[in-house]
Amino acid sequence: MTRVSHVLLPTAAAAAALLCAPLPAATADVGGIAVMYTGSEGPVMGCPHEVGFSLYDPVLPDTRVFIDGIETGPLNPYPYSGYWVRWTPDRLGWHTIEIVNSEPGGRESRRRLDIAVNRVGINAGSSCIANGFPLPMDTQKGTLGQFR
């Protein structure tokens, strides 16, 4: 019986050490990305848009937003969840939006959205004129808004 207890002792100690080991830090994962209020034809060059995204268990300020490889900001919180940045497309064609959340210890969560800008607009202050039609602007945020 003494022999069995000597065999079990190292195993029990190893199990206890594993159970008492610190848990890994909470991870922050980037959720979906959306360019808001673009209508069925997508974003408009020359007019501001909100680029919104969700972030689960955020590790701020280690969240960065890159549009076409250039870091942009600041991050603005939505009232209930997620964040947004302002983006005014400056050229037609494809654009890449990437959200990167870096955590202590080196783990990163990334999400990418490729989106095309196919129309030109004129920022008229309270509206954006695109394809000859005015689109409403949210004058508080300076971004395309929704009809209310």
N, C-alpha and C. Protein backbone atom coordinates (compact mmCIF):
# COMPACT_ATOMS: atom_id res chain seq x y z
N MET A 1 0.82 -1.18 0.00
CA MET A 1 0.00 0.00 0.00
C MET A 1 0.87 1.25 0.00
N THR A 2 1.99 1.21 0.66
CA THR A 2 2.89 2.35 0.67
C THR A 2 3.36 2.65 -0.74
N ARG A 3 3.60 1.63 -1.52
CA ARG A 3 4.07 1.81 -2.88
C ARG A 3 3.04 2.56 -3.73
N VAL A 4 1.77 2.26 -3.59
CA VAL A 4 0.72 2.91 -4.36
C VAL A 4 0.65 4.40 -4.01
N SER A 5 0.76 4.75 -2.74
CA SER A 5 0.68 6.15 -2.35
C SER A 5 1.83 6.96 -2.92
N HIS A 6 3.02 6.36 -3.05
CA HIS A 6 4.15 7.07 -3.65
C HIS A 6 3.92 7.33 -5.14
N VAL A 7 3.23 6.42 -5.81
CA VAL A 7 2.94 6.58 -7.23
C VAL A 7 1.88 7.66 -7.43
N LEU A 8 0.89 7.69 -6.57
CA LEU A 8 -0.21 8.64 -6.71
C LEU A 8 0.18 10.06 -6.30
N LEU A 9 1.14 10.20 -5.39
CA LEU A 9 1.52 11.50 -4.89
C LEU A 9 2.00 12.45 -6.00
N PRO A 10 2.93 12.05 -6.86
CA PRO A 10 3.34 12.96 -7.94
C PRO A 10 2.20 13.29 -8.90
N THR A 11 1.33 12.32 -9.19
CA THR A 11 0.21 12.55 -10.08
C THR A 11 -0.77 13.54 -9.47
N ALA A 12 -1.07 13.39 -8.20
CA ALA A 12 -1.98 14.30 -7.52
C ALA A 12 -1.39 15.71 -7.46
N ALA A 13 -0.09 15.81 -7.21
CA ALA A 13 0.56 17.12 -7.16
C ALA A 13 0.51 17.79 -8.52
N ALA A 14 0.72 17.05 -9.59
CA ALA A 14 0.67 17.61 -10.93
C ALA A 14 -0.75 18.08 -11.27
N ALA A 15 -1.75 17.30 -10.88
CA ALA A 15 -3.14 17.69 -11.14
C ALA A 15 -3.50 18.95 -10.36
N ALA A 16 -3.05 19.03 -9.10
CA ALA A 16 -3.33 20.22 -8.29
C ALA A 16 -2.66 21.45 -8.88
N ALA A 17 -1.43 21.30 -9.37
CA ALA A 17 -0.73 22.43 -9.98
C ALA A 17 -1.46 22.91 -11.23
N LEU A 18 -1.97 21.97 -12.01
CA LEU A 18 -2.70 22.33 -13.23
C LEU A 18 -3.99 23.06 -12.89
N LEU A 19 -4.71 22.59 -11.88
CA LEU A 19 -5.97 23.22 -11.49
C LEU A 19 -5.75 24.60 -10.88
N CYS A 20 -4.62 24.81 -10.24
CA CYS A 20 -4.34 26.09 -9.59
C CYS A 20 -3.61 27.07 -10.50
N ALA A 21 -3.28 26.65 -11.70
CA ALA A 21 -2.57 27.54 -12.63
C ALA A 21 -3.47 28.72 -12.98
N PRO A 22 -2.89 29.90 -13.18
CA PRO A 22 -3.72 31.06 -13.53
C PRO A 22 -4.41 30.84 -14.86
N LEU A 23 -5.63 31.30 -14.93
CA LEU A 23 -6.39 31.19 -16.18
C LEU A 23 -5.85 32.22 -17.18
N PRO A 24 -5.93 31.90 -18.46
CA PRO A 24 -5.49 32.89 -19.44
C PRO A 24 -6.38 34.13 -19.37
N ALA A 25 -5.81 35.26 -19.75
CA ALA A 25 -6.56 36.52 -19.73
C ALA A 25 -7.73 36.43 -20.70
N ALA A 26 -8.76 37.19 -20.43
CA ALA A 26 -9.92 37.22 -21.32
C ALA A 26 -9.47 37.66 -22.71
N THR A 27 -10.09 37.08 -23.71
CA THR A 27 -9.70 37.41 -25.07
C THR A 27 -10.71 38.37 -25.67
N ALA A 28 -10.23 39.28 -26.47
CA ALA A 28 -11.11 40.22 -27.17
C ALA A 28 -11.14 39.81 -28.63
N ASP A 29 -12.31 39.60 -29.13
CA ASP A 29 -12.46 39.21 -30.52
C ASP A 29 -13.23 40.29 -31.27
N VAL A 30 -12.74 40.61 -32.45
CA VAL A 30 -13.38 41.59 -33.30
C VAL A 30 -14.54 40.90 -34.01
N GLY A 31 -15.70 41.51 -33.93
CA GLY A 31 -16.88 40.98 -34.60
C GLY A 31 -17.01 41.55 -35.99
N GLY A 32 -18.23 41.66 -36.45
CA GLY A 32 -18.49 42.14 -37.80
C GLY A 32 -18.17 43.61 -38.01
N ILE A 33 -17.85 43.96 -39.24
CA ILE A 33 -17.57 45.33 -39.65
C ILE A 33 -18.65 45.74 -40.65
N ALA A 34 -19.15 46.96 -40.53
CA ALA A 34 -20.15 47.46 -41.48
C ALA A 34 -19.90 48.93 -41.76
N VAL A 35 -20.06 49.31 -43.01
CA VAL A 35 -20.06 50.73 -43.37
C VAL A 35 -21.53 51.13 -43.37
N MET A 36 -21.86 52.06 -42.46
CA MET A 36 -23.25 52.36 -42.17
C MET A 36 -23.86 53.35 -43.16
N TYR A 37 -25.16 53.21 -43.36
CA TYR A 37 -26.00 54.17 -44.07
C TYR A 37 -25.53 54.43 -45.50
N THR A 38 -25.20 53.38 -46.21
CA THR A 38 -24.72 53.58 -47.58
C THR A 38 -25.82 53.37 -48.62
N GLY A 39 -26.94 52.83 -48.22
CA GLY A 39 -27.98 52.50 -49.18
C GLY A 39 -27.58 51.25 -49.96
N SER A 40 -28.33 50.94 -50.98
CA SER A 40 -28.08 49.71 -51.74
C SER A 40 -26.89 49.84 -52.69
N GLU A 41 -26.37 51.06 -52.89
CA GLU A 41 -25.29 51.25 -53.85
C GLU A 41 -23.92 51.40 -53.22
N GLY A 42 -23.81 51.28 -51.91
CA GLY A 42 -22.52 51.35 -51.24
C GLY A 42 -22.09 52.76 -50.89
N PRO A 43 -20.88 52.89 -50.33
CA PRO A 43 -20.39 54.18 -49.87
C PRO A 43 -20.20 55.18 -51.01
N VAL A 44 -20.12 56.45 -50.63
CA VAL A 44 -20.01 57.54 -51.59
C VAL A 44 -18.68 58.27 -51.38
N MET A 45 -17.89 58.40 -52.45
CA MET A 45 -16.65 59.16 -52.37
C MET A 45 -16.98 60.63 -52.07
N GLY A 46 -16.26 61.20 -51.10
CA GLY A 46 -16.45 62.60 -50.76
C GLY A 46 -17.44 62.85 -49.64
N CYS A 47 -18.14 61.83 -49.18
CA CYS A 47 -19.11 61.98 -48.10
C CYS A 47 -18.72 61.08 -46.92
N PRO A 48 -18.86 61.58 -45.69
CA PRO A 48 -18.44 60.79 -44.52
C PRO A 48 -19.40 59.65 -44.22
N HIS A 49 -18.83 58.57 -43.72
CA HIS A 49 -19.59 57.38 -43.31
C HIS A 49 -19.10 56.92 -41.95
N GLU A 50 -19.94 56.19 -41.24
CA GLU A 50 -19.53 55.51 -40.02
C GLU A 50 -19.09 54.11 -40.40
N VAL A 51 -17.91 53.72 -39.94
CA VAL A 51 -17.47 52.34 -40.05
C VAL A 51 -17.66 51.76 -38.65
N GLY A 52 -18.66 50.89 -38.51
CA GLY A 52 -18.98 50.32 -37.21
C GLY A 52 -18.47 48.90 -37.10
N PHE A 53 -18.15 48.50 -35.87
CA PHE A 53 -17.71 47.12 -35.63
C PHE A 53 -18.01 46.75 -34.19
N SER A 54 -18.15 45.46 -33.96
CA SER A 54 -18.36 44.98 -32.60
C SER A 54 -17.04 44.45 -32.07
N LEU A 55 -16.93 44.47 -30.76
CA LEU A 55 -15.71 44.02 -30.09
C LEU A 55 -16.14 43.34 -28.81
N TYR A 56 -15.89 42.05 -28.72
CA TYR A 56 -16.26 41.28 -27.55
C TYR A 56 -15.12 41.30 -26.55
N ASP A 57 -15.40 41.65 -25.31
CA ASP A 57 -14.38 41.77 -24.26
C ASP A 57 -13.24 42.66 -24.72
N PRO A 58 -13.52 43.94 -24.99
CA PRO A 58 -12.49 44.81 -25.57
C PRO A 58 -11.30 45.02 -24.66
N VAL A 59 -10.15 45.15 -25.29
CA VAL A 59 -8.91 45.51 -24.61
C VAL A 59 -8.51 46.86 -25.20
N LEU A 60 -9.14 47.91 -24.71
CA LEU A 60 -8.85 49.24 -25.20
C LEU A 60 -7.73 49.82 -24.37
N PRO A 61 -6.83 50.60 -24.85
CA PRO A 61 -6.81 51.23 -26.17
C PRO A 61 -6.04 50.43 -27.21
N ASP A 62 -5.95 49.13 -27.05
CA ASP A 62 -5.16 48.32 -27.98
C ASP A 62 -5.97 47.87 -29.19
N THR A 63 -7.02 48.59 -29.52
CA THR A 63 -7.79 48.33 -30.73
C THR A 63 -7.47 49.42 -31.73
N ARG A 64 -7.09 48.98 -32.93
CA ARG A 64 -6.71 49.92 -33.98
C ARG A 64 -7.52 49.65 -35.23
N VAL A 65 -7.80 50.73 -35.96
CA VAL A 65 -8.56 50.64 -37.20
C VAL A 65 -7.66 51.13 -38.33
N PHE A 66 -7.55 50.31 -39.36
CA PHE A 66 -6.75 50.67 -40.54
C PHE A 66 -7.67 50.71 -41.75
N ILE A 67 -7.59 51.79 -42.50
CA ILE A 67 -8.32 51.89 -43.76
C ILE A 67 -7.28 52.10 -44.84
N ASP A 68 -7.23 51.16 -45.76
CA ASP A 68 -6.23 51.14 -46.82
C ASP A 68 -4.82 51.21 -46.24
N GLY A 69 -4.60 50.50 -45.13
CA GLY A 69 -3.28 50.41 -44.52
C GLY A 69 -2.88 51.57 -43.63
N ILE A 70 -3.73 52.58 -43.51
CA ILE A 70 -3.42 53.75 -42.69
C ILE A 70 -4.29 53.74 -41.44
N GLU A 71 -3.65 53.87 -40.28
CA GLU A 71 -4.40 53.86 -39.03
C GLU A 71 -5.27 55.11 -38.94
N THR A 72 -6.50 54.92 -38.48
CA THR A 72 -7.45 56.01 -38.36
C THR A 72 -8.13 55.95 -37.00
N GLY A 73 -8.80 56.99 -36.64
CA GLY A 73 -9.50 57.05 -35.36
C GLY A 73 -10.06 58.43 -35.19
N PRO A 74 -10.54 58.78 -34.05
CA PRO A 74 -10.60 58.01 -32.82
C PRO A 74 -11.77 57.03 -32.81
N LEU A 75 -11.70 56.06 -31.88
CA LEU A 75 -12.81 55.13 -31.68
C LEU A 75 -13.90 55.85 -30.91
N ASN A 76 -15.12 55.72 -31.39
CA ASN A 76 -16.28 56.30 -30.73
C ASN A 76 -17.20 55.16 -30.32
N PRO A 77 -17.62 55.10 -29.06
CA PRO A 77 -18.50 53.99 -28.65
C PRO A 77 -19.93 54.22 -29.11
N TYR A 78 -20.59 53.13 -29.52
CA TYR A 78 -22.03 53.17 -29.72
C TYR A 78 -22.67 53.09 -28.33
N PRO A 79 -23.89 53.57 -28.16
CA PRO A 79 -24.49 53.58 -26.83
C PRO A 79 -24.62 52.20 -26.18
N TYR A 80 -24.87 51.14 -26.95
CA TYR A 80 -25.12 49.84 -26.35
C TYR A 80 -24.00 48.84 -26.55
N SER A 81 -23.37 48.87 -27.70
CA SER A 81 -22.25 47.95 -27.93
C SER A 81 -21.54 48.35 -29.22
N GLY A 82 -20.27 48.05 -29.28
CA GLY A 82 -19.50 48.31 -30.48
C GLY A 82 -18.90 49.71 -30.51
N TYR A 83 -18.19 49.96 -31.60
CA TYR A 83 -17.47 51.23 -31.79
C TYR A 83 -17.58 51.64 -33.23
N TRP A 84 -17.26 52.89 -33.51
CA TRP A 84 -17.26 53.38 -34.89
C TRP A 84 -16.17 54.43 -35.06
N VAL A 85 -15.74 54.56 -36.32
CA VAL A 85 -14.83 55.64 -36.72
C VAL A 85 -15.44 56.30 -37.95
N ARG A 86 -15.05 57.52 -38.19
CA ARG A 86 -15.53 58.24 -39.37
C ARG A 86 -14.58 57.97 -40.53
N TRP A 87 -15.16 57.75 -41.71
CA TRP A 87 -14.37 57.50 -42.92
C TRP A 87 -15.01 58.24 -44.08
N THR A 88 -14.22 59.04 -44.78
CA THR A 88 -14.66 59.71 -45.99
C THR A 88 -13.82 59.17 -47.14
N PRO A 89 -14.40 58.30 -47.97
CA PRO A 89 -13.63 57.76 -49.10
C PRO A 89 -13.10 58.88 -49.98
N ASP A 90 -11.81 58.76 -50.34
CA ASP A 90 -11.18 59.81 -51.15
C ASP A 90 -10.86 59.36 -52.57
N ARG A 91 -11.32 58.17 -52.93
CA ARG A 91 -11.10 57.69 -54.30
C ARG A 91 -12.11 56.60 -54.61
N LEU A 92 -12.35 56.37 -55.88
CA LEU A 92 -13.21 55.27 -56.31
C LEU A 92 -12.42 53.97 -56.28
N GLY A 93 -13.11 52.86 -56.27
CA GLY A 93 -12.47 51.56 -56.30
C GLY A 93 -12.58 50.84 -54.97
N TRP A 94 -11.76 49.79 -54.85
CA TRP A 94 -11.80 48.93 -53.66
C TRP A 94 -11.00 49.53 -52.52
N HIS A 95 -11.54 49.38 -51.32
CA HIS A 95 -10.89 49.83 -50.09
C HIS A 95 -10.89 48.67 -49.10
N THR A 96 -9.87 48.63 -48.25
CA THR A 96 -9.76 47.60 -47.22
C THR A 96 -9.85 48.24 -45.85
N ILE A 97 -10.77 47.74 -45.05
CA ILE A 97 -10.93 48.19 -43.67
C ILE A 97 -10.54 47.01 -42.79
N GLU A 98 -9.62 47.25 -41.86
CA GLU A 98 -9.16 46.17 -40.98
C GLU A 98 -9.18 46.65 -39.53
N ILE A 99 -9.76 45.84 -38.67
CA ILE A 99 -9.79 46.12 -37.23
C ILE A 99 -8.84 45.13 -36.58
N VAL A 100 -7.94 45.63 -35.73
CA VAL A 100 -6.95 44.78 -35.06
C VAL A 100 -7.04 45.06 -33.56
N ASN A 101 -7.22 44.00 -32.78
CA ASN A 101 -7.20 44.12 -31.33
C ASN A 101 -6.02 43.33 -30.81
N SER A 102 -5.04 44.01 -30.23
CA SER A 102 -3.83 43.37 -29.70
C SER A 102 -3.98 43.24 -28.19
N GLU A 103 -3.61 42.10 -27.69
CA GLU A 103 -3.71 41.85 -26.26
C GLU A 103 -2.32 41.68 -25.65
N PRO A 104 -2.21 41.93 -24.35
CA PRO A 104 -0.95 41.64 -23.68
C PRO A 104 -0.59 40.16 -23.89
N GLY A 105 0.63 39.89 -24.17
CA GLY A 105 1.05 38.52 -24.42
C GLY A 105 1.10 38.16 -25.89
N GLY A 106 0.69 39.08 -26.76
CA GLY A 106 0.89 38.85 -28.18
C GLY A 106 -0.29 38.35 -28.97
N ARG A 107 -1.41 37.93 -28.35
CA ARG A 107 -2.55 37.44 -29.12
C ARG A 107 -3.21 38.60 -29.84
N GLU A 108 -3.61 38.38 -31.09
CA GLU A 108 -4.31 39.40 -31.86
C GLU A 108 -5.58 38.81 -32.44
N SER A 109 -6.59 39.65 -32.51
CA SER A 109 -7.82 39.32 -33.20
C SER A 109 -7.96 40.33 -34.33
N ARG A 110 -8.23 39.83 -35.54
CA ARG A 110 -8.34 40.71 -36.71
C ARG A 110 -9.61 40.39 -37.48
N ARG A 111 -10.15 41.43 -38.09
CA ARG A 111 -11.28 41.25 -39.00
C ARG A 111 -11.07 42.24 -40.13
N ARG A 112 -11.41 41.82 -41.35
CA ARG A 112 -11.16 42.64 -42.53
C ARG A 112 -12.42 42.70 -43.38
N LEU A 113 -12.63 43.87 -43.97
CA LEU A 113 -13.74 44.07 -44.90
C LEU A 113 -13.19 44.77 -46.14
N ASP A 114 -13.42 44.19 -47.30
CA ASP A 114 -13.09 44.83 -48.57
C ASP A 114 -14.40 45.38 -49.13
N ILE A 115 -14.41 46.67 -49.48
CA ILE A 115 -15.64 47.30 -49.95
C ILE A 115 -15.33 48.23 -51.12
N ALA A 116 -16.23 48.25 -52.09
CA ALA A 116 -16.03 49.07 -53.29
C ALA A 116 -16.78 50.40 -53.15
N VAL A 117 -16.14 51.45 -53.62
CA VAL A 117 -16.76 52.78 -53.72
C VAL A 117 -16.94 53.04 -55.22
N ASN A 118 -18.20 53.12 -55.65
CA ASN A 118 -18.50 53.23 -57.08
C ASN A 118 -19.20 54.51 -57.48
N ARG A 119 -19.40 55.41 -56.53
CA ARG A 119 -20.09 56.65 -56.89
C ARG A 119 -19.46 57.84 -56.17
N VAL A 120 -19.63 59.00 -56.79
CA VAL A 120 -19.05 60.24 -56.28
C VAL A 120 -20.18 61.10 -55.73
N GLY A 121 -19.91 61.72 -54.60
CA GLY A 121 -20.90 62.60 -54.00
C GLY A 121 -20.32 63.95 -53.67
N ILE A 122 -21.19 64.86 -53.32
CA ILE A 122 -20.79 66.19 -52.89
C ILE A 122 -21.32 66.37 -51.47
N ASN A 123 -20.42 66.64 -50.54
CA ASN A 123 -20.81 66.87 -49.17
C ASN A 123 -21.38 68.28 -49.08
N ALA A 124 -22.70 68.37 -48.91
CA ALA A 124 -23.38 69.66 -48.87
C ALA A 124 -23.72 70.09 -47.45
N GLY A 125 -23.03 69.55 -46.46
CA GLY A 125 -23.25 69.95 -45.07
C GLY A 125 -24.35 69.16 -44.40
N SER A 126 -25.61 69.41 -44.76
CA SER A 126 -26.71 68.68 -44.15
C SER A 126 -27.15 67.51 -45.01
N SER A 127 -26.52 67.34 -46.15
CA SER A 127 -26.82 66.20 -47.02
C SER A 127 -25.62 65.92 -47.90
N CYS A 128 -25.66 64.75 -48.51
CA CYS A 128 -24.64 64.35 -49.47
C CYS A 128 -25.38 64.14 -50.79
N ILE A 129 -24.95 64.81 -51.82
CA ILE A 129 -25.62 64.66 -53.10
C ILE A 129 -24.85 63.63 -53.91
N ALA A 130 -25.52 62.51 -54.16
CA ALA A 130 -24.91 61.40 -54.92
C ALA A 130 -25.86 60.98 -56.02
N ASN A 131 -25.35 60.86 -57.22
CA ASN A 131 -26.15 60.49 -58.38
C ASN A 131 -27.34 61.43 -58.56
N GLY A 132 -27.17 62.70 -58.18
CA GLY A 132 -28.23 63.67 -58.35
C GLY A 132 -29.28 63.67 -57.26
N PHE A 133 -29.18 62.75 -56.29
CA PHE A 133 -30.17 62.66 -55.21
C PHE A 133 -29.52 63.02 -53.88
N PRO A 134 -30.20 63.83 -53.07
CA PRO A 134 -29.64 64.15 -51.75
C PRO A 134 -29.82 62.98 -50.78
N LEU A 135 -28.79 62.68 -50.06
CA LEU A 135 -28.84 61.69 -48.98
C LEU A 135 -28.71 62.47 -47.68
N PRO A 136 -29.54 62.18 -46.68
CA PRO A 136 -29.48 62.97 -45.44
C PRO A 136 -28.18 62.76 -44.69
N MET A 137 -27.71 63.81 -44.03
CA MET A 137 -26.50 63.75 -43.20
C MET A 137 -26.91 63.91 -41.74
N ASP A 138 -26.22 63.23 -40.86
CA ASP A 138 -26.38 63.42 -39.42
C ASP A 138 -25.43 64.57 -39.06
N THR A 139 -25.97 65.75 -38.85
CA THR A 139 -25.13 66.93 -38.64
C THR A 139 -24.35 66.87 -37.33
N GLN A 140 -24.81 66.07 -36.35
CA GLN A 140 -24.07 65.95 -35.09
C GLN A 140 -22.80 65.12 -35.27
N LYS A 141 -22.88 64.06 -36.08
CA LYS A 141 -21.72 63.20 -36.30
C LYS A 141 -20.99 63.53 -37.59
N GLY A 142 -21.65 64.24 -38.50
CA GLY A 142 -21.04 64.54 -39.78
C GLY A 142 -20.95 63.33 -40.67
N THR A 143 -21.90 62.41 -40.52
CA THR A 143 -21.91 61.19 -41.34
C THR A 143 -23.26 61.03 -42.00
N LEU A 144 -23.28 60.23 -43.06
CA LEU A 144 -24.56 59.95 -43.70
C LEU A 144 -25.49 59.36 -42.67
N GLY A 145 -26.72 59.83 -42.64
CA GLY A 145 -27.70 59.35 -41.66
C GLY A 145 -28.83 58.61 -42.32
N GLN A 146 -29.83 58.31 -41.55
CA GLN A 146 -31.02 57.64 -42.04
C GLN A 146 -32.16 58.62 -42.01
N PHE A 147 -33.15 58.41 -42.90
CA PHE A 147 -34.34 59.24 -42.84
C PHE A 147 -35.04 58.96 -41.52
N ARG A 148 -35.48 60.01 -40.85
CA ARG A 148 -36.15 59.83 -39.56
C ARG A 148 -37.56 60.31 -39.64
